């Protein structure tokens, strides 16, 4: 499933109430306004260890440890700012209730939120929402550097560590503490193959968005770990780590909340 950049994207693990855009549809593809329960979860690592030169050591605490040769990277916290999370419906032929624009047929619109990405195995539920039943083609979101509109200004006042950055990671590299920050401002869309179907039975659906942090600070092909301090703005590895982050995203139905797309 490819991740393709399309619009600016923002992610968040805060426990929040989503402001949903109301939309009704009389097509056979959607049951208008049926109100099905859905949870949105996040995961910070793939369900199996990364193979090759780098090993991923699971811990009871929310910590990710990676080793390559004589280097050891220990990540203890990952925060990321998301401005918008949207689910895009399939084949909406009619005008939605609130606005004639097609974007009104997307749900789960969120303002800037701070997501504390879980590093322990599995997925953690961030919020519960009610959406229309039907089929959804993709999830769209933006990793967001807060700007100067009213919502962003309020967010920065509440989260001063993220006033000028979209991502903040802390930990140690070979025992030396580091703080990695990024100004990445990237809109992305992840397509569901097959489409995500929310049926009208009333049963709950869980969608997991996984940001595989274990791939962020590694050299492609060799598996060698990258010193995060060399990836800060202006650093030699800034571009490489930004690219890794962009390609670390997957989204999938995950009813057992284990962060594994292969067993539902």
C-alpha atoms as a PDB file:
ATOM      1  CA  UNK A   1       0.000   0.000   0.000  1.00  0.00           C
ATOM      2  CA  UNK A   2       1.767   3.153  -1.129  1.00  0.00           C
ATOM      3  CA  UNK A   3       1.857   6.310   0.896  1.00  0.00           C
ATOM      4  CA  UNK A   4       1.598   9.241  -1.454  1.00  0.00           C
ATOM      5  CA  UNK A   5       2.012  12.887  -0.493  1.00  0.00           C
ATOM      6  CA  UNK A   6      -1.060  14.919  -1.378  1.00  0.00           C
ATOM      7  CA  UNK A   7      -2.090  17.506   1.167  1.00  0.00           C
ATOM      8  CA  UNK A   8      -0.537  18.824   4.401  1.00  0.00           C
ATOM      9  CA  UNK A   9      -1.079  16.372   7.247  1.00  0.00           C
ATOM     10  CA  UNK A  10      -1.333  16.493  11.018  1.00  0.00           C
ATOM     11  CA  UNK A  11      -1.349  13.574  13.511  1.00  0.00           C
ATOM     12  CA  UNK A  12      -2.268  13.460  17.221  1.00  0.00           C
ATOM     13  CA  UNK A  13      -2.438  10.972  20.088  1.00  0.00           C
ATOM     14  CA  UNK A  14      -4.232  13.288  22.492  1.00  0.00           C
ATOM     15  CA  UNK A  15      -7.504  12.020  23.928  1.00  0.00           C
ATOM     16  CA  UNK A  16      -9.853  14.447  22.210  1.00  0.00           C
ATOM     17  CA  UNK A  17     -13.345  14.781  20.857  1.00  0.00           C
ATOM     18  CA  UNK A  18     -13.397  15.044  17.059  1.00  0.00           C
ATOM     19  CA  UNK A  19     -15.322  17.797  15.353  1.00  0.00           C
ATOM     20  CA  UNK A  20     -17.018  15.875  12.582  1.00  0.00           C
ATOM     21  CA  UNK A  21     -18.400  17.290   9.360  1.00  0.00           C
ATOM     22  CA  UNK A  22     -21.973  16.114   8.940  1.00  0.00           C
ATOM     23  CA  UNK A  23     -22.729  14.444   5.638  1.00  0.00           C
ATOM     24  CA  UNK A  24     -25.649  12.441   4.309  1.00  0.00           C
ATOM     25  CA  UNK A  25     -25.831  10.423   1.128  1.00  0.00           C
ATOM     26  CA  UNK A  26     -28.603   8.532  -0.595  1.00  0.00           C
ATOM     27  CA  UNK A  27     -26.365   6.371  -2.772  1.00  0.00           C
ATOM     28  CA  UNK A  28     -26.272   2.603  -2.373  1.00  0.00           C
ATOM     29  CA  UNK A  29     -22.668   2.883  -1.236  1.00  0.00           C
ATOM     30  CA  UNK A  30     -23.515   4.709   1.984  1.00  0.00           C
ATOM     31  CA  UNK A  31     -26.169   4.395   4.639  1.00  0.00           C
ATOM     32  CA  UNK A  32     -26.999   8.015   5.327  1.00  0.00           C
ATOM     33  CA  UNK A  33     -26.457   9.193   8.873  1.00  0.00           C
ATOM     34  CA  UNK A  34     -26.515   5.745  10.433  1.00  0.00           C
ATOM     35  CA  UNK A  35     -23.959   6.660  13.089  1.00  0.00           C
ATOM     36  CA  UNK A  36     -21.546   3.755  13.507  1.00  0.00           C
ATOM     37  CA  UNK A  37     -18.962   3.615  16.299  1.00  0.00           C
ATOM     38  CA  UNK A  38     -15.317   3.875  15.296  1.00  0.00           C
ATOM     39  CA  UNK A  39     -12.091   4.183  17.289  1.00  0.00           C
ATOM     40  CA  UNK A  40      -8.892   5.722  15.958  1.00  0.00           C
ATOM     41  CA  UNK A  41      -5.652   4.224  17.296  1.00  0.00           C
ATOM     42  CA  UNK A  42      -1.952   4.872  16.788  1.00  0.00           C
ATOM     43  CA  UNK A  43       1.087   2.607  16.815  1.00  0.00           C
ATOM     44  CA  UNK A  44       4.770   3.508  16.862  1.00  0.00           C
ATOM     45  CA  UNK A  45       6.424   0.294  15.699  1.00  0.00           C
ATOM     46  CA  UNK A  46       5.944  -2.629  13.339  1.00  0.00           C
ATOM     47  CA  UNK A  47       4.676  -5.854  14.967  1.00  0.00           C
ATOM     48  CA  UNK A  48       7.911  -7.775  14.264  1.00  0.00           C
ATOM     49  CA  UNK A  49      11.570  -6.834  14.866  1.00  0.00           C
ATOM     50  CA  UNK A  50      13.465  -5.202  12.028  1.00  0.00           C
ATOM     51  CA  UNK A  51      15.811  -7.753  10.450  1.00  0.00           C
ATOM     52  CA  UNK A  52      19.424  -7.255   9.419  1.00  0.00           C
ATOM     53  CA  UNK A  53      22.153  -5.338  11.196  1.00  0.00           C
ATOM     54  CA  UNK A  54      19.743  -3.449  13.434  1.00  0.00           C
ATOM     55  CA  UNK A  55      17.829  -5.113  16.233  1.00  0.00           C
ATOM     56  CA  UNK A  56      14.784  -3.727  18.002  1.00  0.00           C
ATOM     57  CA  UNK A  57      14.582  -4.577  21.696  1.00  0.00           C
ATOM     58  CA  UNK A  58      11.085  -4.503  23.186  1.00  0.00           C
ATOM     59  CA  UNK A  59      10.791  -3.300  26.752  1.00  0.00           C
ATOM     60  CA  UNK A  60       8.021  -3.259  29.314  1.00  0.00           C
ATOM     61  CA  UNK A  61       8.217   0.511  29.395  1.00  0.00           C
ATOM     62  CA  UNK A  62       7.343   2.753  26.473  1.00  0.00           C
ATOM     63  CA  UNK A  63      10.878   2.741  25.029  1.00  0.00           C
ATOM     64  CA  UNK A  64      12.365   1.724  21.688  1.00  0.00           C
ATOM     65  CA  UNK A  65      15.954   0.446  21.634  1.00  0.00           C
ATOM     66  CA  UNK A  66      17.915  -0.108  18.413  1.00  0.00           C
ATOM     67  CA  UNK A  67      21.479  -1.324  18.033  1.00  0.00           C
ATOM     68  CA  UNK A  68      23.892  -1.525  15.109  1.00  0.00           C
ATOM     69  CA  UNK A  69      27.557  -2.417  15.567  1.00  0.00           C
ATOM     70  CA  UNK A  70      28.827  -0.491  18.575  1.00  0.00           C
ATOM     71  CA  UNK A  71      26.016   2.101  18.454  1.00  0.00           C
ATOM     72  CA  UNK A  72      22.855   2.000  20.563  1.00  0.00           C
ATOM     73  CA  UNK A  73      19.878   4.295  20.045  1.00  0.00           C
ATOM     74  CA  UNK A  74      17.292   4.524  22.829  1.00  0.00           C
ATOM     75  CA  UNK A  75      14.123   6.498  22.052  1.00  0.00           C
ATOM     76  CA  UNK A  76      12.001   7.420  25.071  1.00  0.00           C
ATOM     77  CA  UNK A  77       9.415   9.842  23.651  1.00  0.00           C
ATOM     78  CA  UNK A  78       7.992  10.836  20.283  1.00  0.00           C
ATOM     79  CA  UNK A  79       5.580  13.726  19.867  1.00  0.00           C
ATOM     80  CA  UNK A  80       4.071  14.752  16.545  1.00  0.00           C
ATOM     81  CA  UNK A  81       1.639  17.521  15.609  1.00  0.00           C
ATOM     82  CA  UNK A  82      -1.276  16.731  13.305  1.00  0.00           C
ATOM     83  CA  UNK A  83      -3.523  19.388  11.867  1.00  0.00           C
ATOM     84  CA  UNK A  84      -6.075  17.251  10.053  1.00  0.00           C
ATOM     85  CA  UNK A  85      -7.176  13.652   9.832  1.00  0.00           C
ATOM     86  CA  UNK A  86      -9.798  12.851   7.212  1.00  0.00           C
ATOM     87  CA  UNK A  87     -11.469   9.719   5.921  1.00  0.00           C
ATOM     88  CA  UNK A  88     -12.440   9.998   2.256  1.00  0.00           C
ATOM     89  CA  UNK A  89     -15.585   8.272   1.086  1.00  0.00           C
ATOM     90  CA  UNK A  90     -15.876   6.247  -2.116  1.00  0.00           C
ATOM     91  CA  UNK A  91     -18.194   7.445  -4.895  1.00  0.00           C
ATOM     92  CA  UNK A  92     -20.185  10.253  -3.325  1.00  0.00           C
ATOM     93  CA  UNK A  93     -22.466  11.475  -6.138  1.00  0.00           C
ATOM     94  CA  UNK A  94     -24.543  13.979  -4.170  1.00  0.00           C
ATOM     95  CA  UNK A  95     -23.983  17.225  -2.312  1.00  0.00           C
ATOM     96  CA  UNK A  96     -23.363  16.842   1.411  1.00  0.00           C
ATOM     97  CA  UNK A  97     -25.561  18.614   3.941  1.00  0.00           C
ATOM     98  CA  UNK A  98     -23.237  21.321   5.216  1.00  0.00           C
ATOM     99  CA  UNK A  99     -21.521  22.551   2.045  1.00  0.00           C
ATOM    100  CA  UNK A 100     -21.524  21.893  -1.713  1.00  0.00           C
ATOM    101  CA  UNK A 101     -17.798  21.164  -1.675  1.00  0.00           C
ATOM    102  CA  UNK A 102     -16.673  17.556  -2.103  1.00  0.00           C
ATOM    103  CA  UNK A 103     -14.412  17.851   0.945  1.00  0.00           C
ATOM    104  CA  UNK A 104     -17.541  17.977   3.102  1.00  0.00           C
ATOM    105  CA  UNK A 105     -17.902  14.258   2.462  1.00  0.00           C
ATOM    106  CA  UNK A 106     -14.743  13.591   4.445  1.00  0.00           C
ATOM    107  CA  UNK A 107     -15.011  12.870   8.155  1.00  0.00           C
ATOM    108  CA  UNK A 108     -12.792  13.110  11.243  1.00  0.00           C
ATOM    109  CA  UNK A 109     -11.554  16.631  10.617  1.00  0.00           C
ATOM    110  CA  UNK A 110      -9.341  17.606  13.530  1.00  0.00           C
ATOM    111  CA  UNK A 111      -7.596  20.828  14.433  1.00  0.00           C
ATOM    112  CA  UNK A 112      -3.934  20.830  15.532  1.00  0.00           C
ATOM    113  CA  UNK A 113      -3.393  18.015  18.001  1.00  0.00           C
ATOM    114  CA  UNK A 114      -0.345  16.676  19.793  1.00  0.00           C
ATOM    115  CA  UNK A 115       0.110  12.921  19.386  1.00  0.00           C
ATOM    116  CA  UNK A 116       2.348  11.129  21.858  1.00  0.00           C
ATOM    117  CA  UNK A 117       3.254   8.165  19.666  1.00  0.00           C
ATOM    118  CA  UNK A 118       3.276   4.896  21.665  1.00  0.00           C
ATOM    119  CA  UNK A 119       6.553   2.993  21.443  1.00  0.00           C
ATOM    120  CA  UNK A 120       5.478  -0.221  23.151  1.00  0.00           C
ATOM    121  CA  UNK A 121       4.156  -3.008  20.902  1.00  0.00           C
ATOM    122  CA  UNK A 122       0.521  -2.824  19.838  1.00  0.00           C
ATOM    123  CA  UNK A 123      -1.777   0.146  19.266  1.00  0.00           C
ATOM    124  CA  UNK A 124      -3.282   2.661  21.671  1.00  0.00           C
ATOM    125  CA  UNK A 125      -6.709   4.181  21.101  1.00  0.00           C
ATOM    126  CA  UNK A 126      -6.633   7.945  20.816  1.00  0.00           C
ATOM    127  CA  UNK A 127     -10.290   8.765  20.338  1.00  0.00           C
ATOM    128  CA  UNK A 128     -13.731   7.341  19.657  1.00  0.00           C
ATOM    129  CA  UNK A 129     -16.059   8.885  17.081  1.00  0.00           C
ATOM    130  CA  UNK A 130     -19.316   8.192  15.278  1.00  0.00           C
ATOM    131  CA  UNK A 131     -19.243   8.089  11.473  1.00  0.00           C
ATOM    132  CA  UNK A 132     -21.619   7.101   8.686  1.00  0.00           C
ATOM    133  CA  UNK A 133     -21.547   3.528   7.470  1.00  0.00           C
ATOM    134  CA  UNK A 134     -20.149   2.994   3.999  1.00  0.00           C
ATOM    135  CA  UNK A 135     -16.885   2.462   2.158  1.00  0.00           C
ATOM    136  CA  UNK A 136     -13.828   4.668   2.578  1.00  0.00           C
ATOM    137  CA  UNK A 137     -11.031   4.884   0.017  1.00  0.00           C
ATOM    138  CA  UNK A 138      -8.292   6.564   2.022  1.00  0.00           C
ATOM    139  CA  UNK A 139      -7.210   8.412   5.123  1.00  0.00           C
ATOM    140  CA  UNK A 140      -5.580  11.810   4.724  1.00  0.00           C
ATOM    141  CA  UNK A 141      -3.580  13.659   7.334  1.00  0.00           C
ATOM    142  CA  UNK A 142      -0.890  16.302   7.736  1.00  0.00           C
ATOM    143  CA  UNK A 143       2.275  16.366   9.807  1.00  0.00           C
ATOM    144  CA  UNK A 144       2.054  20.015  10.715  1.00  0.00           C
ATOM    145  CA  UNK A 145       4.399  22.762  11.822  1.00  0.00           C
ATOM    146  CA  UNK A 146       2.077  25.163  13.682  1.00  0.00           C
ATOM    147  CA  UNK A 147       1.553  28.490  11.962  1.00  0.00           C
ATOM    148  CA  UNK A 148      -0.119  31.738  12.968  1.00  0.00           C
ATOM    149  CA  UNK A 149      -3.855  31.215  12.541  1.00  0.00           C
ATOM    150  CA  UNK A 150      -6.046  31.269  15.638  1.00  0.00           C
ATOM    151  CA  UNK A 151      -6.077  27.493  16.115  1.00  0.00           C
ATOM    152  CA  UNK A 152      -2.309  27.183  15.763  1.00  0.00           C
ATOM    153  CA  UNK A 153      -1.658  30.107  18.094  1.00  0.00           C
ATOM    154  CA  UNK A 154      -3.822  28.501  20.775  1.00  0.00           C
ATOM    155  CA  UNK A 155      -2.029  25.185  20.254  1.00  0.00           C
ATOM    156  CA  UNK A 156       1.421  26.788  20.574  1.00  0.00           C
ATOM    157  CA  UNK A 157       0.414  28.556  23.757  1.00  0.00           C
ATOM    158  CA  UNK A 158      -0.610  25.210  25.250  1.00  0.00           C
ATOM    159  CA  UNK A 159       2.396  23.283  23.843  1.00  0.00           C
ATOM    160  CA  UNK A 160       5.413  25.640  23.802  1.00  0.00           C
ATOM    161  CA  UNK A 161       7.868  22.807  22.993  1.00  0.00           C
ATOM    162  CA  UNK A 162       6.121  22.500  19.623  1.00  0.00           C
ATOM    163  CA  UNK A 163       5.819  26.223  18.861  1.00  0.00           C
ATOM    164  CA  UNK A 164       8.081  25.995  15.797  1.00  0.00           C
ATOM    165  CA  UNK A 165       8.348  22.254  15.125  1.00  0.00           C
ATOM    166  CA  UNK A 166       6.089  19.414  14.042  1.00  0.00           C
ATOM    167  CA  UNK A 167       8.033  16.490  15.555  1.00  0.00           C
ATOM    168  CA  UNK A 168      10.031  16.151  18.754  1.00  0.00           C
ATOM    169  CA  UNK A 169      11.930  12.995  19.772  1.00  0.00           C
ATOM    170  CA  UNK A 170      14.013  12.473  22.921  1.00  0.00           C
ATOM    171  CA  UNK A 171      16.324   9.699  24.080  1.00  0.00           C
ATOM    172  CA  UNK A 172      20.006   8.783  24.110  1.00  0.00           C
ATOM    173  CA  UNK A 173      22.535   7.810  21.439  1.00  0.00           C
ATOM    174  CA  UNK A 174      25.468   5.823  22.847  1.00  0.00           C
ATOM    175  CA  UNK A 175      24.439   7.079  26.269  1.00  0.00           C
ATOM    176  CA  UNK A 176      24.433  10.778  25.298  1.00  0.00           C
ATOM    177  CA  UNK A 177      21.033  12.525  25.631  1.00  0.00           C
ATOM    178  CA  UNK A 178      19.565  14.044  22.455  1.00  0.00           C
ATOM    179  CA  UNK A 179      16.512  16.020  21.377  1.00  0.00           C
ATOM    180  CA  UNK A 180      15.580  15.702  17.725  1.00  0.00           C
ATOM    181  CA  UNK A 181      13.171  18.216  16.182  1.00  0.00           C
ATOM    182  CA  UNK A 182      11.786  18.593  12.682  1.00  0.00           C
ATOM    183  CA  UNK A 183       9.924  21.327  10.826  1.00  0.00           C
ATOM    184  CA  UNK A 184       8.419  18.790   8.420  1.00  0.00           C
ATOM    185  CA  UNK A 185       5.090  20.068   7.050  1.00  0.00           C
ATOM    186  CA  UNK A 186       3.793  17.238   4.904  1.00  0.00           C
ATOM    187  CA  UNK A 187       0.341  16.347   3.606  1.00  0.00           C
ATOM    188  CA  UNK A 188      -0.175  12.682   2.840  1.00  0.00           C
ATOM    189  CA  UNK A 189      -2.853  10.235   1.833  1.00  0.00           C
ATOM    190  CA  UNK A 190      -2.871   6.525   2.541  1.00  0.00           C
ATOM    191  CA  UNK A 191      -5.126   4.403   0.345  1.00  0.00           C
ATOM    192  CA  UNK A 192      -6.949   1.382   1.776  1.00  0.00           C
ATOM    193  CA  UNK A 193      -6.560  -1.780  -0.313  1.00  0.00           C
ATOM    194  CA  UNK A 194      -9.202  -3.140  -0.065  1.00  0.00           C
ATOM    195  CA  UNK A 195     -11.354  -0.151   0.969  1.00  0.00           C
ATOM    196  CA  UNK A 196     -12.208   0.319   4.628  1.00  0.00           C
ATOM    197  CA  UNK A 197     -15.848  -0.743   5.055  1.00  0.00           C
ATOM    198  CA  UNK A 198     -17.885   0.478   8.016  1.00  0.00           C
ATOM    199  CA  UNK A 199     -21.056  -1.613   8.000  1.00  0.00           C
ATOM    200  CA  UNK A 200     -24.462  -0.663   9.361  1.00  0.00           C
ATOM    201  CA  UNK A 201     -24.646  -3.518  11.868  1.00  0.00           C
ATOM    202  CA  UNK A 202     -23.681  -1.336  14.796  1.00  0.00           C
ATOM    203  CA  UNK A 203     -20.446  -3.223  15.477  1.00  0.00           C
ATOM    204  CA  UNK A 204     -17.455  -1.039  16.324  1.00  0.00           C
ATOM    205  CA  UNK A 205     -14.590  -0.513  13.873  1.00  0.00           C
ATOM    206  CA  UNK A 206     -10.996   0.372  14.779  1.00  0.00           C
ATOM    207  CA  UNK A 207      -8.615   2.179  12.424  1.00  0.00           C
ATOM    208  CA  UNK A 208      -4.924   2.148  13.340  1.00  0.00           C
ATOM    209  CA  UNK A 209      -2.435   4.653  11.930  1.00  0.00           C
ATOM    210  CA  UNK A 210       1.094   3.343  12.381  1.00  0.00           C
ATOM    211  CA  UNK A 211       4.156   5.580  12.332  1.00  0.00           C
ATOM    212  CA  UNK A 212       7.003   3.066  12.385  1.00  0.00           C
ATOM    213  CA  UNK A 213       9.516   4.973  14.500  1.00  0.00           C
ATOM    214  CA  UNK A 214      11.973   2.056  14.214  1.00  0.00           C
ATOM    215  CA  UNK A 215      12.641   3.125  10.602  1.00  0.00           C
ATOM    216  CA  UNK A 216      13.206   6.832  11.242  1.00  0.00           C
ATOM    217  CA  UNK A 217      16.849   6.820  12.338  1.00  0.00           C
ATOM    218  CA  UNK A 218      18.341   4.170  10.109  1.00  0.00           C
ATOM    219  CA  UNK A 219      20.354   4.092   6.882  1.00  0.00           C
ATOM    220  CA  UNK A 220      18.428   2.398   4.093  1.00  0.00           C
ATOM    221  CA  UNK A 221      20.015  -0.832   2.910  1.00  0.00           C
ATOM    222  CA  UNK A 222      22.553  -1.209   5.720  1.00  0.00           C
ATOM    223  CA  UNK A 223      20.310  -0.913   8.762  1.00  0.00           C
ATOM    224  CA  UNK A 224      22.917   1.224  10.532  1.00  0.00           C
ATOM    225  CA  UNK A 225      21.474   3.613  13.109  1.00  0.00           C
ATOM    226  CA  UNK A 226      21.713   7.384  12.671  1.00  0.00           C
ATOM    227  CA  UNK A 227      22.703   9.720  15.480  1.00  0.00           C
ATOM    228  CA  UNK A 228      19.506  11.852  15.761  1.00  0.00           C
ATOM    229  CA  UNK A 229      21.525  14.941  16.636  1.00  0.00           C
ATOM    230  CA  UNK A 230      22.918  14.875  13.069  1.00  0.00           C
ATOM    231  CA  UNK A 231      19.368  15.008  11.652  1.00  0.00           C
ATOM    232  CA  UNK A 232      18.248  18.252  13.275  1.00  0.00           C
ATOM    233  CA  UNK A 233      17.575  21.231  10.973  1.00  0.00           C
ATOM    234  CA  UNK A 234      20.756  21.902   8.991  1.00  0.00           C
ATOM    235  CA  UNK A 235      22.336  18.574   9.968  1.00  0.00           C
ATOM    236  CA  UNK A 236      23.944  16.134   7.558  1.00  0.00           C
ATOM    237  CA  UNK A 237      21.159  13.567   7.978  1.00  0.00           C
ATOM    238  CA  UNK A 238      18.186  15.953   8.068  1.00  0.00           C
ATOM    239  CA  UNK A 239      16.926  14.971   4.603  1.00  0.00           C
ATOM    240  CA  UNK A 240      17.408  11.237   5.120  1.00  0.00           C
ATOM    241  CA  UNK A 241      15.404  11.170   8.356  1.00  0.00           C
ATOM    242  CA  UNK A 242      12.633  13.353   6.923  1.00  0.00           C
ATOM    243  CA  UNK A 243      12.340  10.906   4.035  1.00  0.00           C
ATOM    244  CA  UNK A 244      12.192   7.966   6.433  1.00  0.00           C
ATOM    245  CA  UNK A 245       9.395   9.632   8.411  1.00  0.00           C
ATOM    246  CA  UNK A 246       7.339  10.310   5.286  1.00  0.00           C
ATOM    247  CA  UNK A 247       7.547   6.661   4.256  1.00  0.00           C
ATOM    248  CA  UNK A 248       6.922   5.175   7.711  1.00  0.00           C
ATOM    249  CA  UNK A 249       3.128   5.543   7.652  1.00  0.00           C
ATOM    250  CA  UNK A 250       0.538   2.795   7.241  1.00  0.00           C
ATOM    251  CA  UNK A 251      -3.182   2.826   8.000  1.00  0.00           C
ATOM    252  CA  UNK A 252      -5.395  -0.233   8.315  1.00  0.00           C
ATOM    253  CA  UNK A 253      -8.393  -1.829   9.991  1.00  0.00           C
ATOM    254  CA  UNK A 254      -7.183  -3.297  13.273  1.00  0.00           C
ATOM    255  CA  UNK A 255      -9.989  -4.846  15.300  1.00  0.00           C
ATOM    256  CA  UNK A 256      -7.702  -6.506  17.854  1.00  0.00           C
ATOM    257  CA  UNK A 257      -5.646  -3.326  18.419  1.00  0.00           C
ATOM    258  CA  UNK A 258      -2.299  -5.086  17.995  1.00  0.00           C
ATOM    259  CA  UNK A 259      -0.865  -2.749  15.363  1.00  0.00           C
ATOM    260  CA  UNK A 260      -0.570  -5.622  12.840  1.00  0.00           C
ATOM    261  CA  UNK A 261      -2.280  -5.162   9.465  1.00  0.00           C
ATOM    262  CA  UNK A 262      -2.019  -8.870   8.636  1.00  0.00           C
ATOM    263  CA  UNK A 263      -4.395 -10.353  11.188  1.00  0.00           C
ATOM    264  CA  UNK A 264      -7.111  -7.732  11.527  1.00  0.00           C
END
